[in-house]
Protein backbone atom coordinates (compact mmCIF):
# COMPACT_ATOMS: atom_id res chain seq x y z
CA MET A 1 -89.18 62.83 -14.42
CA LEU A 2 -91.19 62.98 -11.19
CA ALA A 3 -88.81 61.23 -8.85
CA ALA A 4 -88.63 64.40 -6.76
CA SER A 5 -91.83 66.10 -7.83
CA GLY A 6 -94.28 64.52 -5.43
CA TRP A 7 -94.29 63.47 -1.81
CA GLN A 8 -96.42 61.42 0.54
CA CYS A 9 -98.11 63.30 3.33
CA GLY A 10 -99.09 61.92 6.71
CA LYS A 11 -101.88 59.42 7.11
CA ARG A 12 -105.35 60.93 7.09
CA THR A 13 -107.17 60.55 10.37
CA ARG A 14 -110.49 62.10 9.38
CA GLY A 15 -112.95 59.88 7.59
CA LEU A 16 -116.35 60.76 6.21
CA ARG A 17 -118.63 62.07 8.97
CA GLY A 18 -116.15 61.19 11.68
CA MET A 19 -115.78 57.54 10.70
CA PRO A 20 -112.32 55.89 10.74
CA HIS A 21 -110.21 56.94 7.79
CA ARG A 22 -110.48 55.12 4.50
CA GLY A 23 -107.55 53.11 3.27
CA GLU A 24 -107.32 50.13 5.67
CA PRO A 25 -106.10 46.87 4.08
CA ALA A 26 -108.78 44.97 2.22
CA VAL A 27 -109.98 41.55 3.31
CA ASN A 28 -107.59 38.78 2.17
CA GLY A 29 -105.31 41.45 0.70
CA ARG A 30 -107.33 41.76 -2.50
CA ILE A 31 -108.73 45.14 -3.43
CA HIS A 32 -111.69 45.45 -5.79
CA THR A 33 -111.01 48.35 -8.12
CA VAL A 34 -112.72 50.13 -11.00
CA VAL A 35 -110.85 52.37 -13.45
CA HIS A 36 -113.01 54.99 -15.13
CA HIS A 37 -111.27 56.97 -17.88
CA ARG A 38 -112.36 58.08 -21.32
CA ILE A 39 -109.00 57.23 -23.00
CA PRO A 40 -108.86 53.45 -23.64
CA VAL A 41 -105.06 53.25 -23.85
CA PHE A 42 -104.63 55.03 -20.51
CA ARG A 43 -107.31 52.85 -18.92
CA ARG A 44 -105.87 49.57 -20.20
CA GLY A 45 -102.34 50.46 -19.10
CA LEU A 46 -103.52 51.35 -15.60
CA VAL A 47 -105.64 48.19 -15.35
CA GLU A 48 -102.68 46.00 -16.30
CA ALA A 49 -100.44 47.69 -13.73
CA LEU A 50 -103.07 47.29 -10.99
CA GLU A 51 -103.66 43.62 -11.79
CA GLU A 52 -99.92 43.02 -11.46
CA ARG A 53 -100.20 44.42 -7.94
CA ASP A 54 -102.97 41.96 -7.03
CA HIS A 55 -105.90 44.33 -7.46
CA VAL A 56 -109.13 42.74 -8.65
CA VAL A 57 -110.18 45.09 -11.46
CA ASP A 58 -113.95 44.98 -11.88
CA ARG A 59 -115.99 46.13 -14.87
CA PRO A 60 -119.44 46.54 -13.34
CA PRO A 61 -122.48 47.36 -15.50
CA ASN A 62 -123.79 49.55 -12.67
CA LEU A 63 -121.17 51.66 -10.90
CA GLU A 64 -123.51 52.86 -8.15
CA ALA A 65 -124.49 49.30 -7.20
CA TRP A 66 -120.84 48.23 -7.23
CA ALA A 67 -119.74 51.15 -5.05
CA ALA A 68 -122.47 50.46 -2.48
CA GLN A 69 -121.34 46.87 -1.84
CA PRO A 70 -119.66 46.29 1.55
CA GLY A 71 -115.91 46.07 1.94
CA GLN A 72 -113.09 48.25 0.74
CA ARG A 73 -113.37 49.25 -2.90
CA VAL A 74 -111.29 51.66 -4.93
CA LEU A 75 -112.69 53.85 -7.68
CA ILE A 76 -110.08 55.52 -9.87
CA THR A 77 -111.80 58.13 -11.99
CA GLU A 78 -110.84 61.12 -14.09
CA CYS A 79 -112.09 64.41 -12.66
CA PRO A 80 -112.32 67.00 -15.45
CA ASP A 81 -114.67 69.29 -13.50
CA HIS A 82 -116.47 69.95 -10.22
CA SER A 83 -119.55 67.92 -11.16
CA THR A 84 -117.51 64.73 -11.46
CA ILE A 85 -116.10 65.29 -7.99
CA HIS A 86 -119.56 65.86 -6.56
CA GLN A 87 -120.84 62.65 -8.18
CA ALA A 88 -117.96 60.69 -6.68
CA ALA A 89 -118.66 62.21 -3.26
CA GLU A 90 -122.24 60.98 -3.49
CA LEU A 91 -120.98 57.43 -4.08
CA MET A 92 -118.91 57.66 -0.89
CA GLU A 93 -122.06 58.53 1.05
CA HIS A 94 -123.28 54.94 0.49
CA ASN A 95 -120.07 53.13 1.46
CA GLN A 96 -117.80 54.47 4.20
CA GLU A 97 -114.97 52.21 2.97
CA LEU A 98 -115.03 53.38 -0.65
CA VAL A 99 -111.75 55.02 -1.64
CA VAL A 100 -112.04 57.42 -4.57
CA ILE A 101 -108.88 58.47 -6.38
CA GLY A 102 -109.39 61.48 -8.62
CA LEU A 103 -107.20 61.82 -11.71
CA ILE A 104 -106.61 65.55 -12.16
CA GLU A 105 -105.35 67.21 -15.33
CA ALA A 106 -102.18 69.25 -14.88
CA SER A 107 -103.89 72.20 -16.57
CA ASP A 108 -106.25 72.65 -13.59
CA PRO A 109 -104.48 71.70 -10.34
CA SER A 110 -107.02 73.71 -8.31
CA LEU A 111 -109.45 70.81 -8.79
CA ALA A 112 -107.18 68.73 -6.56
CA GLN A 113 -108.05 70.94 -3.60
CA VAL A 114 -111.76 70.48 -4.29
CA ALA A 115 -111.25 66.71 -4.54
CA LEU A 116 -109.34 66.60 -1.27
CA ALA A 117 -112.07 68.60 0.48
CA ALA A 118 -114.55 65.98 -0.76
CA ASP A 119 -112.48 63.25 0.98
CA MET A 120 -110.97 62.00 -2.28
CA TYR A 121 -107.33 61.37 -3.12
CA PRO A 122 -106.17 63.62 -6.01
CA ILE A 123 -103.44 62.43 -8.38
CA MET A 124 -102.07 64.25 -11.42
CA THR A 125 -102.54 62.37 -14.69
CA ASP A 126 -99.20 63.47 -16.15
CA GLU A 127 -97.15 61.47 -13.67
CA GLU A 128 -94.91 58.61 -14.78
CA PRO A 129 -96.63 55.19 -14.53
CA THR A 130 -94.46 54.10 -11.59
CA GLN A 131 -95.28 57.29 -9.69
CA LEU A 132 -98.97 56.96 -10.53
CA ILE A 133 -99.08 53.44 -9.11
CA ALA A 134 -97.13 54.55 -6.04
CA ALA A 135 -99.68 57.32 -5.47
CA ILE A 136 -102.55 54.81 -5.80
CA ASP A 137 -100.85 52.45 -3.34
CA ALA A 138 -100.47 55.35 -0.91
CA ALA A 139 -104.16 56.22 -1.21
CA THR A 140 -105.26 52.65 -0.46
CA ARG A 141 -103.24 52.88 2.76
CA GLY A 142 -104.91 56.17 3.72
CA HIS A 143 -102.08 58.50 2.70
CA VAL A 144 -102.31 61.57 0.48
CA TYR A 145 -99.65 61.80 -2.22
CA LEU A 146 -99.25 65.41 -3.34
CA ASP A 147 -97.74 66.29 -6.67
CA LYS A 148 -95.46 69.33 -6.61
CA THR A 149 -97.74 71.05 -9.13
CA ILE A 150 -100.69 70.75 -6.74
CA ALA A 151 -98.74 71.95 -3.73
CA GLN A 152 -97.30 74.94 -5.60
CA SER A 153 -100.78 75.89 -6.81
CA TRP A 154 -102.05 75.96 -3.23
CA ILE A 155 -99.07 77.97 -2.03
CA ASN A 156 -99.55 80.55 -4.79
CA SER A 157 -103.26 80.95 -4.07
CA SER A 158 -103.07 80.97 -0.27
CA ALA A 159 -102.07 84.63 -0.04
CA SER A 160 -104.97 85.86 -2.17
CA THR A 161 -107.71 83.42 -1.13
CA PRO A 162 -109.83 84.58 1.80
CA THR A 163 -109.93 82.16 4.72
CA SER A 164 -113.16 80.61 5.96
CA THR A 165 -112.62 81.93 9.52
CA SER A 166 -114.57 85.09 8.73
CA ILE A 167 -117.63 83.14 7.58
CA GLU A 168 -120.32 83.06 10.27
CA ASP A 169 -122.43 79.99 11.05
CA GLU A 170 -125.52 81.57 9.52
CA GLU A 171 -123.60 82.34 6.33
CA ARG A 172 -122.36 78.74 6.19
CA ALA A 173 -125.98 77.63 6.35
CA TRP A 174 -126.88 79.97 3.48
CA LEU A 175 -124.11 78.49 1.34
CA GLU A 176 -125.28 74.99 2.15
CA ARG A 177 -128.87 75.78 1.17
CA LEU A 178 -127.88 77.62 -2.00
CA GLY A 179 -125.76 74.64 -2.98
CA HIS A 180 -128.77 72.43 -2.41
CA GLY A 181 -130.79 74.46 -4.90
CA TRP A 182 -132.61 77.00 -2.73
CA SER A 183 -133.62 80.23 -4.44
CA VAL A 184 -132.77 83.61 -2.94
CA THR A 185 -136.49 84.19 -2.31
CA ARG A 186 -136.82 80.95 -0.36
CA LEU A 187 -133.66 81.75 1.56
CA ALA A 188 -134.99 85.22 2.43
CA ASP A 189 -138.32 83.80 3.62
CA HIS A 190 -136.54 81.23 5.77
CA ALA A 191 -134.29 83.90 7.31
CA GLY A 192 -137.17 86.33 7.85
CA LEU A 193 -135.60 88.94 5.58
CA SER A 194 -136.75 90.87 2.54
CA ARG A 195 -135.37 89.68 -0.79
CA ARG A 196 -133.49 92.97 -1.13
CA GLU A 197 -131.84 92.57 2.28
CA MET A 198 -131.05 88.93 1.53
CA ASN A 199 -129.34 89.93 -1.71
CA ARG A 200 -127.32 92.57 0.11
CA ARG A 201 -126.11 90.07 2.71
CA LEU A 202 -125.31 87.49 0.09
CA LYS A 203 -123.29 90.07 -1.82
CA ASP A 204 -121.25 90.69 1.33
CA LEU A 205 -120.80 86.93 1.78
CA TYR A 206 -119.65 86.48 -1.81
CA SER A 207 -117.14 89.27 -1.28
CA LYS A 208 -115.70 87.45 1.73
CA LEU A 209 -115.11 84.45 -0.51
CA GLY A 210 -113.49 86.55 -3.21
CA ALA A 211 -116.45 85.98 -5.53
CA THR A 212 -118.81 88.26 -7.44
CA ASN A 213 -121.76 85.90 -7.93
CA GLN A 214 -123.41 82.82 -6.49
CA LYS A 215 -121.69 80.31 -8.77
CA GLN A 216 -118.22 81.67 -8.01
CA ALA A 217 -119.04 81.74 -4.29
CA LEU A 218 -120.10 78.09 -4.22
CA VAL A 219 -116.93 77.04 -6.04
CA ALA A 220 -114.80 79.10 -3.65
CA ALA A 221 -116.65 77.68 -0.64
CA THR A 222 -116.06 74.13 -1.86
CA GLU A 223 -112.36 74.83 -2.33
CA GLN A 224 -112.17 76.13 1.25
CA GLY A 225 -113.94 73.08 2.64
CA LEU A 226 -117.17 74.87 3.49
CA PRO A 227 -120.46 72.97 3.12
CA THR A 228 -122.20 73.60 -0.19
CA LYS A 229 -124.87 70.91 -0.10
CA ASN A 230 -126.98 69.21 2.55
CA PRO A 231 -125.38 66.11 4.03
């Protein structure tokens, strides 16, 4: 069904914080992997397929401790929302070699763009098993495998989505602090502005992002690769 619906893009050269890209071969050719999915049948099928390809599938009691261990590790996890992607990104902060593959539902392909901006490898869950495994293999080698549904979603939204080129450095800093939990009052005090003036400038910033409120602006900023939390 998907023989012609996805394609493998060029190898990623940008790793987290300028480090070499993730996806180099694991030591001794064995890759330690964890599959995190709420549907047991899906999880078991994927585990069996990975074990056939010489992955060591772990079942750690503590995922954070497992992810922080040295060496290349692969976390394959479903990503039903933005919070899951942010949690996975936090795990990558503790291990530069951790590869996170996000399983994205076909009903919300826009999440794939958010996952990619977070240095993850998005894969659609409705792919055939052989294509799913091929996409995982590509990710462990540092390649991004794009499903046609994802690519078409980005093409359709590119014309209407404002670009980040119009966002000034100061505005980027505001987004970063808001994403880190700063209140508008605290932001105004830090910028030396009144709360009213701060609100006015934020409204202009949200408009640049095609948003009408703070929550929409942070989502839009994340999708455009702008910082929304302190590193």
